[in-house]
Structures are given as C-alpha cells and as structure tokens.
C-alpha cells in the first residue's frame, strides 16, 4: 500500500490509461501539487485534450519505453495484466499503484474530505454538492463519477481544504478512502457477484462509516443504512422525508423537470427550494447535499443558488435531443432500484408514452436480479431490451436479453444468434443498436419520451436514434 512517506522523494508520475474520467481528477490534483506527469492511452478523447492543455506529455499507444524515468506509476482497473507498460512497471524499481489506492491517498491530503457513498445516487449527489460549493465561491477539489458541465469534466483541483469525492462500494473500493465526512444515501442489493449477500454489503458500509473522522450524514429513512451505523460513536446527521430526521422535505409542487419542496431542519421550516432534476429520489439527494454543505459552513444563499443552477450531471436524465415532438433522454440507471426511480419520475412527467431502452450490464447481475428488472422495466409503456453488455464477465450461465424481455409484457427485443452475442464485437453491438433505433424511429409518436438506460455504452443508441429522426 502506498503511503505519504513513500511520496516524499517522488517527482515523476506516469498514468497508464490517463484519458479515463476517473484518472483525470487525480492527474489534475497531482499536477497542481507540482509533480511531473506523463501518461498514455489508446484512444483520443476530450479528456486527453484537457490533459494536454495542462502541459502534460501524452503517449498514444502503450509501450514499455513510455514509463522510462517514472518513479510512481498509476494504472486504472481497466488495464489488463498483459499491458506492456504495466509489465515493465512491475519489473522496474518504480512504485506501482491502482487508481483507487492512489485516490484514497489523495483524500488524506484534505482537512475536509466529504465522501459520498450509497448504492444509488452517488454521482448526482456529488455533482449537486460540488455545484453548491462552486456557487458559494469555494475553490474545492472534487472527484465525481460523471461529467459536471460547470467544472468542465469529472473533477477539479482547488486550493481550499475541501474535497468532494464519490465513494464507490464495488470491490470495497471506498474502504481505501480517508473520509472526514461520510455520506450514505442508501444501501441496497448490488454487486452480489462480489459481496454475495446484503448482510455483507451492510458490513462493508459499516466499515466505511467507521472510517469517518468527523461526521456521518445518512438517510434516516433507509433501514439498511440505519443498521450499518447502529452503535457507532460518531456525530450522525440524518436526512429524509420523515420529519424525525434532522433535515427533511415536503414536496409542494412539480412542473416539468422542476420540483419544489419545503426544507425543514429539526422540524422547523427553513425555506422553499427548487431542484431541476426530476423525481422524488432527487429531493433526497438534495437533502444529503444540503446537510453536507451546511456542515461545511455554506450559506443558505449558496445552497439555493447551487440547487437552482444544477441541471444534472451528464448521463443523469440528460436531454439528448428533441426531434419531431419526440424527447430523447439518456440516464445511467442500471440497477432495478435506480430504474424504478428514474422510470417513476419519467412517468410523472407530461409525456404521452415512455419508452425505456435498457442495456443490461453483466450477466451475473442480470441473472441474480432478473425478477427485479422485470418489475422495474414494466413501469415503462414500451420496454426495449438491448443485448447484454458482458463487460468483465464471460457468459458462463447462458443469460441473454430475450430471457429478460420475454418476462416483460409488451417488451421489444431483436433476436441475435447466441454465439454472435457472446462474441461482444463492436460490429454486432452497432447492428443491434441500429435495429432498435430503426424500430423506435418508425413507431415513436409526437409527445413520447425515449430514455436510454444503463451504465454501458447505450448512450450511443440515443444519439443514433436522434440522427435517424433528423434524417426522416
């Protein structure tokens, strides 16, 4: 494990996969601290352009010679063991660390590291809280799981002692962080391929909560969260709809994407606020952000302005286009609970029909949560299922999109031979996306909402659909 002591004599740091959105904020912070940075990647991205603008040398393509002179080498979890730079790094005298371990060390550099955890809502809440600090005029550092337009990316390096960091529970990554304030939005069954049981997930969140040095800010309406923090000797601040919480809300009106609510603190009304991302779940995310911001000393004016100007992170109910009376939106929701929240919010808006175009992510999650996916996707008027994105997994159990689709009344999917689906080629995926986009373009009507859903690359389908509708 890397330590601050080990960093004292290091000047040159090399990042393998420097163009990743999770790498970029760490690159910014280390660059601002005066480290000499270099990096490599295989694909040109907007993030690489931003890295180059910092004056950082970027190698296209990954070769052993790229690491020459580096004393510390950071690699992302996506880097395979046979990567030539990683092989050379581990054979050298340089220190090699995975991104999440480096991020953990970085959080220890701040006096007020606010780490945002939860099975759902981390990116929206981290982004919302960041927006509040920005509007208050706080020069914070942040690492979030999506791109926030106001900071031009997925993170930034600031000069204050405040850091906002998204804390992901997958493979216990968040246990490497050093939170001063830990936020827990909710705890639900997810990543069961790693945790196995809900009880193990709760135990992991308890370890995370125990590591907070100053305060816990938790969803007081969530039973699993309450169980995780039970008996901990920490300052605990609660939020939720129930008035028993320290921070609570009562929704007073909804219009379009705007929700108004009365804010209460310890039962006393403070003010009426508005958010511009739909769904009751985003009121809960706002309460968490408000509680954390007030704990950090942000004024109510800064909070109100931050919420007023926040229009969501990219891929969080992000409007892609409006063509021929059809609204196309993209959302990162990939877990049944997230799908339920997103589709319930969508159905509460003024659209004639809601199309839910869902890309299942990993075979294990699709198999384990199959019935929950069926229930969530049935909220939509027209569910559409793409081929499963296997990502890090092999399809050892023979799980396919059709098995999910056949359980949902009125669902649409396109049969693809299983042996072709299992190959997961870019050409096959593009064919599947085009078939679906053609079907929707032919059958969607004015007043419909089409929302692409999933944590993979289904956002590409939203853009393909928009292009086809413009061509008609």
Protein backbone atom coordinates (compact mmCIF):
# COMPACT_ATOMS: atom_id res chain seq x y z
CA UNK A 1 0.00 0.00 0.00
CA UNK A 2 1.30 3.43 -0.94
CA UNK A 3 1.85 5.98 1.84
CA UNK A 4 2.51 9.71 2.04
CA UNK A 5 6.01 8.86 3.30
CA UNK A 6 6.71 6.99 0.06
CA UNK A 7 5.72 10.07 -1.98
CA UNK A 8 8.23 12.40 -0.35
CA UNK A 9 11.06 11.67 -2.80
CA UNK A 10 8.91 11.16 -5.91
CA UNK A 11 8.73 13.79 -8.62
CA UNK A 12 7.77 11.92 -11.82
CA UNK A 13 4.40 10.12 -12.05
CA UNK A 14 3.14 8.18 -15.07
CA UNK A 15 -0.53 7.24 -15.61
CA UNK A 16 -1.42 4.19 -17.72
CA UNK A 17 -4.85 5.00 -19.15
CA UNK A 18 -4.54 8.70 -18.41
CA UNK A 19 -7.60 9.52 -20.52
CA UNK A 20 -10.02 7.77 -18.18
CA UNK A 21 -12.57 10.01 -16.47
CA UNK A 22 -11.57 8.56 -13.11
CA UNK A 23 -7.89 9.30 -13.72
CA UNK A 24 -8.28 12.91 -14.82
CA UNK A 25 -9.13 14.46 -11.42
CA UNK A 26 -6.16 12.70 -9.80
CA UNK A 27 -3.93 13.94 -12.62
CA UNK A 28 -5.18 17.49 -12.02
CA UNK A 29 -4.52 17.31 -8.28
CA UNK A 30 -1.01 15.84 -8.61
CA UNK A 31 -0.17 18.34 -11.36
CA UNK A 32 -1.27 21.20 -9.09
CA UNK A 33 0.93 19.78 -6.31
CA UNK A 34 3.95 20.14 -8.59
CA UNK A 35 4.53 16.57 -9.72
CA UNK A 36 5.89 15.98 -13.23
CA UNK A 37 3.21 13.99 -15.03
CA UNK A 38 3.13 11.84 -18.14
CA UNK A 39 0.62 9.30 -19.35
CA UNK A 40 -0.54 7.02 -22.12
CA UNK A 41 -3.78 5.89 -23.71
CA UNK A 42 -5.08 4.10 -26.76
CA UNK A 43 -7.98 6.34 -27.74
CA UNK A 44 -8.31 10.07 -28.34
CA UNK A 45 -10.92 11.64 -26.03
CA UNK A 46 -11.99 15.07 -24.81
CA UNK A 47 -10.30 14.19 -21.52
CA UNK A 48 -6.97 13.71 -23.29
CA UNK A 49 -7.34 17.15 -24.84
CA UNK A 50 -7.85 18.59 -21.35
CA UNK A 51 -4.78 16.71 -20.06
CA UNK A 52 -2.62 18.09 -22.86
CA UNK A 53 -3.80 21.63 -22.10
CA UNK A 54 -2.16 21.24 -18.68
CA UNK A 55 1.15 20.78 -20.50
CA UNK A 56 1.29 17.05 -19.76
CA UNK A 57 3.00 14.69 -22.20
CA UNK A 58 0.66 12.01 -23.54
CA UNK A 59 1.81 8.91 -25.43
CA UNK A 60 -0.68 7.39 -27.85
CA UNK A 61 -0.37 3.63 -27.64
CA UNK A 62 1.14 1.76 -24.72
CA UNK A 63 4.76 0.65 -24.88
CA UNK A 64 7.27 -0.31 -22.23
CA UNK A 65 9.56 2.64 -23.03
CA UNK A 66 6.80 5.12 -22.11
CA UNK A 67 7.40 4.58 -18.39
CA UNK A 68 11.12 5.40 -18.51
CA UNK A 69 12.08 7.81 -15.73
CA UNK A 70 8.81 7.43 -13.82
CA UNK A 71 9.13 6.81 -10.09
CA UNK A 72 5.43 6.19 -9.49
CA UNK A 73 3.10 4.50 -11.97
CA UNK A 74 -0.67 4.68 -11.58
CA UNK A 75 -2.88 2.34 -13.59
CA UNK A 76 -6.63 2.01 -13.88
CA UNK A 77 -8.57 -1.15 -13.08
CA UNK A 78 -9.36 -1.44 -16.79
CA UNK A 79 -5.69 -2.10 -17.61
CA UNK A 80 -5.11 -5.79 -18.34
CA UNK A 81 -2.27 -7.77 -16.74
CA UNK A 82 -0.57 -8.23 -20.13
CA UNK A 83 -0.34 -4.49 -20.80
CA UNK A 84 3.31 -3.80 -21.81
CA UNK A 85 3.60 -0.68 -19.65
CA UNK A 86 2.19 -2.44 -16.59
CA UNK A 87 4.54 -5.40 -17.11
CA UNK A 88 7.50 -3.02 -17.43
CA UNK A 89 6.36 -1.03 -14.40
CA UNK A 90 6.18 -4.08 -12.15
CA UNK A 91 9.59 -5.23 -13.36
CA UNK A 92 11.13 -1.82 -12.59
CA UNK A 93 12.09 -0.11 -9.35
CA UNK A 94 9.11 2.23 -9.63
CA UNK A 95 6.16 2.08 -7.25
CA UNK A 96 3.00 0.82 -8.98
CA UNK A 97 -0.47 1.54 -7.61
CA UNK A 98 -4.02 1.02 -8.87
CA UNK A 99 -6.09 4.19 -9.34
CA UNK A 100 -8.44 3.59 -6.38
CA UNK A 101 -5.50 3.23 -3.99
CA UNK A 102 -3.99 6.48 -5.26
CA UNK A 103 -7.35 8.23 -4.90
CA UNK A 104 -7.55 7.00 -1.33
CA UNK A 105 -4.19 8.56 -0.52
CA UNK A 106 -5.24 11.83 -2.19
CA UNK A 107 -8.31 12.11 0.06
CA UNK A 108 -5.98 12.05 3.08
CA UNK A 109 -4.46 15.35 1.92
CA UNK A 110 -7.63 17.34 2.70
CA UNK A 111 -8.89 18.53 6.08
CA UNK A 112 -12.49 18.22 4.93
CA UNK A 113 -12.88 15.26 2.59
CA UNK A 114 -16.60 14.63 2.03
CA UNK A 115 -17.04 11.13 0.61
CA UNK A 116 -20.42 10.35 -0.94
CA UNK A 117 -21.48 6.69 -0.81
CA UNK A 118 -24.64 4.71 -1.47
CA UNK A 119 -25.87 2.05 -3.84
CA UNK A 120 -27.70 4.72 -5.86
CA UNK A 121 -27.40 8.47 -6.37
CA UNK A 122 -23.68 8.96 -5.70
CA UNK A 123 -22.87 10.84 -8.89
CA UNK A 124 -25.91 13.12 -8.77
CA UNK A 125 -25.33 13.97 -5.10
CA UNK A 126 -21.58 14.50 -5.56
CA UNK A 127 -22.30 16.75 -8.54
CA UNK A 128 -25.06 18.64 -6.76
CA UNK A 129 -22.85 19.22 -3.71
CA UNK A 130 -19.97 20.33 -5.94
CA UNK A 131 -22.29 22.79 -7.70
CA UNK A 132 -23.30 24.24 -4.33
CA UNK A 133 -19.67 24.77 -3.32
CA UNK A 134 -18.89 26.35 -6.70
CA UNK A 135 -21.79 28.82 -6.37
CA UNK A 136 -20.69 29.64 -2.81
CA UNK A 137 -17.28 30.55 -4.22
CA UNK A 138 -15.38 27.68 -2.58
CA UNK A 139 -12.33 26.57 -4.58
CA UNK A 140 -12.77 22.89 -3.83
CA UNK A 141 -11.22 19.75 -5.25
CA UNK A 142 -13.56 17.01 -6.41
CA UNK A 143 -13.68 13.56 -7.96
CA UNK A 144 -17.09 12.56 -9.28
CA UNK A 145 -18.33 9.65 -11.37
CA UNK A 146 -19.81 11.73 -14.18
CA UNK A 147 -19.11 14.92 -16.04
CA UNK A 148 -20.42 18.14 -14.49
CA UNK A 149 -20.73 20.98 -17.02
CA UNK A 150 -19.89 23.75 -14.55
CA UNK A 151 -16.41 22.32 -13.88
CA UNK A 152 -15.89 21.03 -17.40
CA UNK A 153 -15.39 17.38 -16.52
CA UNK A 154 -15.32 14.74 -13.82
CA UNK A 155 -13.25 16.63 -11.28
CA UNK A 156 -11.04 19.58 -10.46
CA UNK A 157 -8.14 20.61 -8.28
CA UNK A 158 -8.78 23.51 -5.91
CA UNK A 159 -6.84 25.43 -3.29
CA UNK A 160 -9.22 25.04 -0.33
CA UNK A 161 -9.12 22.23 2.25
CA UNK A 162 -12.46 20.86 0.98
CA UNK A 163 -12.77 17.82 -1.26
CA UNK A 164 -15.90 16.10 -2.56
CA UNK A 165 -15.24 12.51 -3.57
CA UNK A 166 -17.61 9.88 -4.91
CA UNK A 167 -17.13 6.73 -2.85
CA UNK A 168 -17.94 3.52 -4.75
CA UNK A 169 -18.60 0.31 -2.81
CA UNK A 170 -17.73 -2.06 -5.68
CA UNK A 171 -14.97 -4.49 -4.56
CA UNK A 172 -14.76 -2.37 -1.37
CA UNK A 173 -13.06 0.47 -3.20
CA UNK A 174 -14.44 3.04 -0.74
CA UNK A 175 -12.56 1.39 2.13
CA UNK A 176 -9.35 2.84 0.66
CA UNK A 177 -10.59 6.42 1.18
CA UNK A 178 -9.96 8.70 4.16
CA UNK A 179 -13.31 10.46 4.72
CA UNK A 180 -13.71 13.25 7.23
CA UNK A 181 -17.43 13.34 6.48
CA UNK A 182 -19.10 10.20 5.11
CA UNK A 183 -22.47 10.41 3.36
CA UNK A 184 -24.58 7.25 2.98
CA UNK A 185 -27.51 7.74 0.62
CA UNK A 186 -28.90 4.21 0.74
CA UNK A 187 -27.83 0.56 0.89
CA UNK A 188 -29.37 -1.99 -1.45
CA UNK A 189 -28.52 -5.33 -3.04
CA UNK A 190 -25.97 -4.79 -5.79
CA UNK A 191 -22.61 -6.23 -6.87
CA UNK A 192 -23.71 -9.56 -5.41
CA UNK A 193 -21.09 -11.24 -7.60
CA UNK A 194 -18.59 -9.71 -5.15
CA UNK A 195 -20.49 -9.29 -1.85
CA UNK A 196 -22.65 -12.40 -2.03
CA UNK A 197 -25.32 -11.18 0.40
CA UNK A 198 -26.99 -7.97 1.52
CA UNK A 199 -25.58 -8.55 5.01
CA UNK A 200 -22.06 -8.42 3.61
CA UNK A 201 -22.86 -5.13 1.84
CA UNK A 202 -24.14 -3.64 5.11
CA UNK A 203 -20.98 -4.79 6.91
CA UNK A 204 -18.85 -3.11 4.26
CA UNK A 205 -20.74 0.18 4.58
CA UNK A 206 -20.29 -0.06 8.36
CA UNK A 207 -16.51 -0.24 7.87
CA UNK A 208 -16.71 2.78 5.58
CA UNK A 209 -18.81 4.72 8.09
CA UNK A 210 -16.38 3.81 10.87
CA UNK A 211 -13.53 5.44 8.97
CA UNK A 212 -15.14 8.93 9.04
CA UNK A 213 -13.21 11.21 11.38
CA UNK A 214 -15.79 13.96 11.83
CA UNK A 215 -19.40 13.11 10.97
CA UNK A 216 -21.80 10.75 9.26
CA UNK A 217 -24.60 12.17 7.11
CA UNK A 218 -27.09 9.38 6.48
CA UNK A 219 -30.53 8.61 5.05
CA UNK A 220 -32.62 8.23 8.19
CA UNK A 221 -35.46 6.67 6.19
CA UNK A 222 -33.31 3.76 4.95
CA UNK A 223 -33.38 0.72 7.24
CA UNK A 224 -30.20 -0.84 5.85
CA UNK A 225 -28.29 2.41 6.37
CA UNK A 226 -29.53 2.70 9.96
CA UNK A 227 -28.43 -0.88 10.56
CA UNK A 228 -24.97 -0.13 9.14
CA UNK A 229 -24.32 2.77 11.53
CA UNK A 230 -26.07 1.39 14.61
CA UNK A 231 -23.98 1.89 17.74
CA UNK A 232 -21.17 3.84 16.06
CA UNK A 233 -19.67 6.55 18.25
CA UNK A 234 -19.89 9.29 15.62
CA UNK A 235 -21.74 12.54 15.11
CA UNK A 236 -24.69 11.45 12.97
CA UNK A 237 -26.81 13.85 10.90
CA UNK A 238 -29.91 12.37 9.27
CA UNK A 239 -31.97 13.34 6.23
CA UNK A 240 -35.14 12.01 4.62
CA UNK A 241 -38.82 12.69 4.07
CA UNK A 242 -39.76 11.68 7.62
CA UNK A 243 -39.93 14.76 9.84
CA UNK A 244 -37.97 12.92 12.57
CA UNK A 245 -34.79 13.44 10.53
CA UNK A 246 -32.50 16.43 11.11
CA UNK A 247 -33.15 17.54 7.52
CA UNK A 248 -36.48 16.71 5.92
CA UNK A 249 -38.55 17.83 2.97
CA UNK A 250 -42.16 18.17 1.96
CA UNK A 251 -42.79 18.38 -1.79
CA UNK A 252 -45.01 21.35 -2.62
CA UNK A 253 -45.20 21.20 -6.42
CA UNK A 254 -43.91 19.69 -9.64
CA UNK A 255 -43.80 21.23 -13.09
CA UNK A 256 -41.78 19.74 -15.95
CA UNK A 257 -38.35 18.83 -14.62
CA UNK A 258 -38.71 21.16 -11.62
CA UNK A 259 -39.69 20.02 -8.12
CA UNK A 260 -40.36 22.49 -5.30
CA UNK A 261 -40.13 21.45 -1.67
CA UNK A 262 -40.20 22.94 1.80
CA UNK A 263 -36.95 22.36 3.70
CA UNK A 264 -37.15 21.58 7.42
CA UNK A 265 -34.34 21.45 9.97
CA UNK A 266 -35.17 19.63 13.21
CA UNK A 267 -38.85 20.06 12.41
CA UNK A 268 -38.73 23.82 11.74
CA UNK A 269 -39.28 25.12 8.23
CA UNK A 270 -36.28 26.97 6.81
CA UNK A 271 -37.38 27.85 3.28
CA UNK A 272 -38.83 26.60 -0.01
CA UNK A 273 -36.34 25.33 -2.57
CA UNK A 274 -36.43 24.07 -6.14
CA UNK A 275 -34.42 21.45 -7.99
CA UNK A 276 -34.34 20.93 -11.74
CA UNK A 277 -33.77 17.19 -11.96
CA UNK A 278 -36.95 15.07 -11.82
CA UNK A 279 -38.02 12.51 -9.24
CA UNK A 280 -38.61 12.31 -5.51
CA UNK A 281 -35.29 10.47 -5.17
CA UNK A 282 -33.52 13.64 -6.27
CA UNK A 283 -35.16 15.54 -3.41
CA UNK A 284 -33.43 13.02 -1.12
CA UNK A 285 -30.14 13.63 -2.94
CA UNK A 286 -30.68 17.36 -2.47
CA UNK A 287 -31.25 16.88 1.28
CA UNK A 288 -27.96 14.99 1.56
CA UNK A 289 -26.18 17.78 -0.32
CA UNK A 290 -27.80 20.46 1.84
CA UNK A 291 -26.81 18.68 5.06
CA UNK A 292 -23.19 18.29 3.92
CA UNK A 293 -22.96 21.86 2.64
CA UNK A 294 -24.35 23.36 5.85
CA UNK A 295 -21.99 21.19 7.92
CA UNK A 296 -19.13 22.68 5.87
CA UNK A 297 -20.38 26.22 6.55
CA UNK A 298 -22.07 27.06 3.23
CA UNK A 299 -24.73 29.78 3.41
CA UNK A 300 -28.37 29.12 2.56
CA UNK A 301 -27.97 31.58 -0.33
CA UNK A 302 -25.15 29.44 -1.74
CA UNK A 303 -27.23 26.29 -1.31
CA UNK A 304 -30.26 27.81 -3.02
CA UNK A 305 -28.16 29.10 -5.93
CA UNK A 306 -26.35 25.78 -6.29
CA UNK A 307 -29.62 23.85 -6.50
CA UNK A 308 -31.10 26.45 -8.83
CA UNK A 309 -28.22 26.20 -11.31
CA UNK A 310 -27.73 22.43 -11.14
CA UNK A 311 -29.21 20.72 -14.20
CA UNK A 312 -27.77 17.28 -13.62
CA UNK A 313 -24.53 15.52 -14.42
CA UNK A 314 -24.02 14.10 -17.88
CA UNK A 315 -25.85 10.77 -18.28
CA UNK A 316 -28.19 11.58 -15.38
CA UNK A 317 -31.56 12.21 -17.10
CA UNK A 318 -29.57 14.11 -19.70
CA UNK A 319 -31.59 15.54 -22.58
CA UNK A 320 -30.01 14.37 -25.84
CA UNK A 321 -32.42 15.84 -28.39
CA UNK A 322 -35.97 16.85 -29.23
CA UNK A 323 -36.95 15.80 -32.75
CA UNK A 324 -40.39 15.75 -34.36
CA UNK A 325 -42.06 16.09 -31.00
CA UNK A 326 -40.08 13.18 -29.52
CA UNK A 327 -37.86 13.82 -26.49
CA UNK A 328 -34.72 11.68 -26.20
CA UNK A 329 -33.07 11.39 -22.78
CA UNK A 330 -30.16 9.28 -21.51
CA UNK A 331 -29.65 8.01 -17.97
CA UNK A 332 -27.02 5.91 -16.18
CA UNK A 333 -29.58 3.87 -14.19
CA UNK A 334 -28.58 0.20 -14.30
CA UNK A 335 -29.84 -1.34 -11.05
CA UNK A 336 -33.54 -2.20 -10.57
CA UNK A 337 -33.94 0.37 -7.80
CA UNK A 338 -32.37 3.07 -9.96
CA UNK A 339 -34.55 2.08 -12.90
CA UNK A 340 -37.62 2.24 -10.67
CA UNK A 341 -36.75 5.76 -9.51
CA UNK A 342 -35.89 7.02 -12.99
CA UNK A 343 -38.91 5.49 -14.74
CA UNK A 344 -41.30 6.53 -11.98
CA UNK A 345 -40.00 10.09 -12.36
CA UNK A 346 -40.37 9.86 -16.15
CA UNK A 347 -43.93 8.58 -15.89
CA UNK A 348 -44.76 11.51 -13.62
CA UNK A 349 -43.86 13.98 -16.36
CA UNK A 350 -46.18 15.20 -19.08
CA UNK A 351 -45.37 12.68 -21.82
CA UNK A 352 -47.84 10.52 -23.76
CA UNK A 353 -45.69 7.38 -23.60
CA UNK A 354 -42.36 6.45 -22.02
CA UNK A 355 -40.01 4.17 -23.97
CA UNK A 356 -37.40 2.52 -21.72
CA UNK A 357 -34.43 1.31 -23.80
CA UNK A 358 -32.40 -0.77 -21.36
CA UNK A 359 -28.93 -2.24 -21.83
CA UNK A 360 -28.37 -4.93 -19.14
CA UNK A 361 -24.84 -4.78 -17.71
CA UNK A 362 -23.07 -8.04 -16.77
CA UNK A 363 -24.59 -11.49 -16.96
CA UNK A 364 -24.41 -12.12 -13.20
CA UNK A 365 -26.39 -9.00 -12.29
CA UNK A 366 -28.98 -9.76 -14.98
CA UNK A 367 -29.40 -13.31 -13.72
CA UNK A 368 -29.45 -12.56 -9.98
CA UNK A 369 -31.80 -9.56 -10.24
CA UNK A 370 -33.90 -10.79 -13.19
CA UNK A 371 -37.29 -10.55 -11.42
CA UNK A 372 -36.45 -7.10 -10.03
CA UNK A 373 -35.53 -5.90 -13.52
CA UNK A 374 -38.85 -7.22 -14.84
CA UNK A 375 -40.78 -5.30 -12.20
CA UNK A 376 -38.83 -2.06 -12.75
CA UNK A 377 -38.96 -2.08 -16.54
CA UNK A 378 -42.69 -2.82 -16.51
CA UNK A 379 -43.20 0.76 -15.29
CA UNK A 380 -42.49 1.98 -18.84
CA UNK A 381 -45.13 1.98 -21.53
CA UNK A 382 -42.77 0.31 -24.01
CA UNK A 383 -39.70 -1.51 -22.62
CA UNK A 384 -36.95 -2.24 -25.16
CA UNK A 385 -34.07 -4.59 -24.28
CA UNK A 386 -30.67 -4.48 -26.00
CA UNK A 387 -28.14 -7.30 -25.97
CA UNK A 388 -26.42 -7.69 -22.60
CA UNK A 389 -23.08 -5.93 -22.18
CA UNK A 390 -20.87 -8.56 -20.56
CA UNK A 391 -18.03 -6.18 -19.65
CA UNK A 392 -15.64 -8.03 -17.34
CA UNK A 393 -17.60 -11.32 -17.41
CA UNK A 394 -17.90 -14.45 -19.54
CA UNK A 395 -21.44 -15.71 -20.20
CA UNK A 396 -20.97 -18.94 -18.24
CA UNK A 397 -24.67 -19.33 -17.33
CA UNK A 398 -26.17 -18.68 -20.75
CA UNK A 399 -28.01 -15.46 -19.90
CA UNK A 400 -29.41 -13.46 -22.83
CA UNK A 401 -31.61 -10.39 -23.37
CA UNK A 402 -34.51 -12.48 -24.64
CA UNK A 403 -34.86 -14.23 -21.25
CA UNK A 404 -35.45 -10.86 -19.61
CA UNK A 405 -37.61 -9.47 -22.42
CA UNK A 406 -39.94 -12.48 -22.52
CA UNK A 407 -40.85 -11.89 -18.86
CA UNK A 408 -41.98 -8.29 -19.53
CA UNK A 409 -45.38 -7.68 -21.10
CA UNK A 410 -45.05 -5.80 -24.38
CA UNK A 411 -41.25 -5.74 -24.36
CA UNK A 412 -39.34 -5.32 -27.62
CA UNK A 413 -36.04 -7.02 -28.47
CA UNK A 414 -34.24 -8.32 -31.52
CA UNK A 415 -33.18 -11.96 -31.78
CA UNK A 416 -29.48 -12.42 -32.36
CA UNK A 417 -27.82 -15.86 -32.52
CA UNK A 418 -26.32 -16.57 -29.11
CA UNK A 419 -22.89 -17.40 -30.47
CA UNK A 420 -22.74 -13.96 -32.10
CA UNK A 421 -23.94 -12.15 -28.95
CA UNK A 422 -21.28 -13.95 -26.90
CA UNK A 423 -18.54 -12.54 -29.13
CA UNK A 424 -19.43 -8.99 -27.97
CA UNK A 425 -17.99 -7.39 -31.11
CA UNK A 426 -18.33 -3.69 -31.85
CA UNK A 427 -19.95 -4.53 -35.19
CA UNK A 428 -22.62 -6.69 -33.58
CA UNK A 429 -23.38 -4.07 -30.96
CA UNK A 430 -23.74 -1.38 -33.61
CA UNK A 431 -26.08 -3.65 -35.59
CA UNK A 432 -28.22 -4.27 -32.50
CA UNK A 433 -28.36 -0.54 -31.69
CA UNK A 434 -29.30 0.32 -35.28
CA UNK A 435 -32.10 -2.26 -35.36
CA UNK A 436 -33.55 -0.82 -32.17
CA UNK A 437 -33.15 2.79 -33.34
CA UNK A 438 -34.91 1.95 -36.62
CA UNK A 439 -37.81 0.36 -34.77
CA UNK A 440 -38.25 3.32 -32.42
CA UNK A 441 -37.91 5.87 -35.24
CA UNK A 442 -40.73 4.08 -37.10
CA UNK A 443 -43.03 3.67 -34.10
CA UNK A 444 -42.44 6.60 -31.72
CA UNK A 445 -45.04 9.37 -31.82
CA UNK A 446 -45.15 13.06 -31.05
CA UNK A 447 -45.29 13.56 -27.29
CA UNK A 448 -43.27 10.40 -26.48
CA UNK A 449 -40.23 10.23 -24.23
CA UNK A 450 -37.48 7.80 -25.22
CA UNK A 451 -34.99 7.17 -22.43
CA UNK A 452 -31.88 5.03 -22.86
CA UNK A 453 -30.80 3.34 -19.63
CA UNK A 454 -27.66 1.55 -18.46
CA UNK A 455 -24.08 2.05 -17.29
CA UNK A 456 -22.50 0.75 -20.50
CA UNK A 457 -22.48 2.48 -23.88
CA UNK A 458 -26.25 2.60 -24.55
CA UNK A 459 -25.95 6.39 -24.72
CA UNK A 460 -24.66 5.80 -28.26
CA UNK A 461 -28.07 4.38 -29.16
CA UNK A 462 -29.73 7.63 -28.06
CA UNK A 463 -27.51 9.56 -30.45
CA UNK A 464 -28.10 7.06 -33.28
CA UNK A 465 -31.85 7.44 -32.80
CA UNK A 466 -31.62 11.22 -32.82
CA UNK A 467 -29.66 11.09 -36.07
CA UNK A 468 -32.23 8.81 -37.73
CA UNK A 469 -35.14 11.05 -36.67
CA UNK A 470 -33.38 14.11 -38.09
CA UNK A 471 -32.88 12.30 -41.41
CA UNK A 472 -36.58 11.49 -41.87
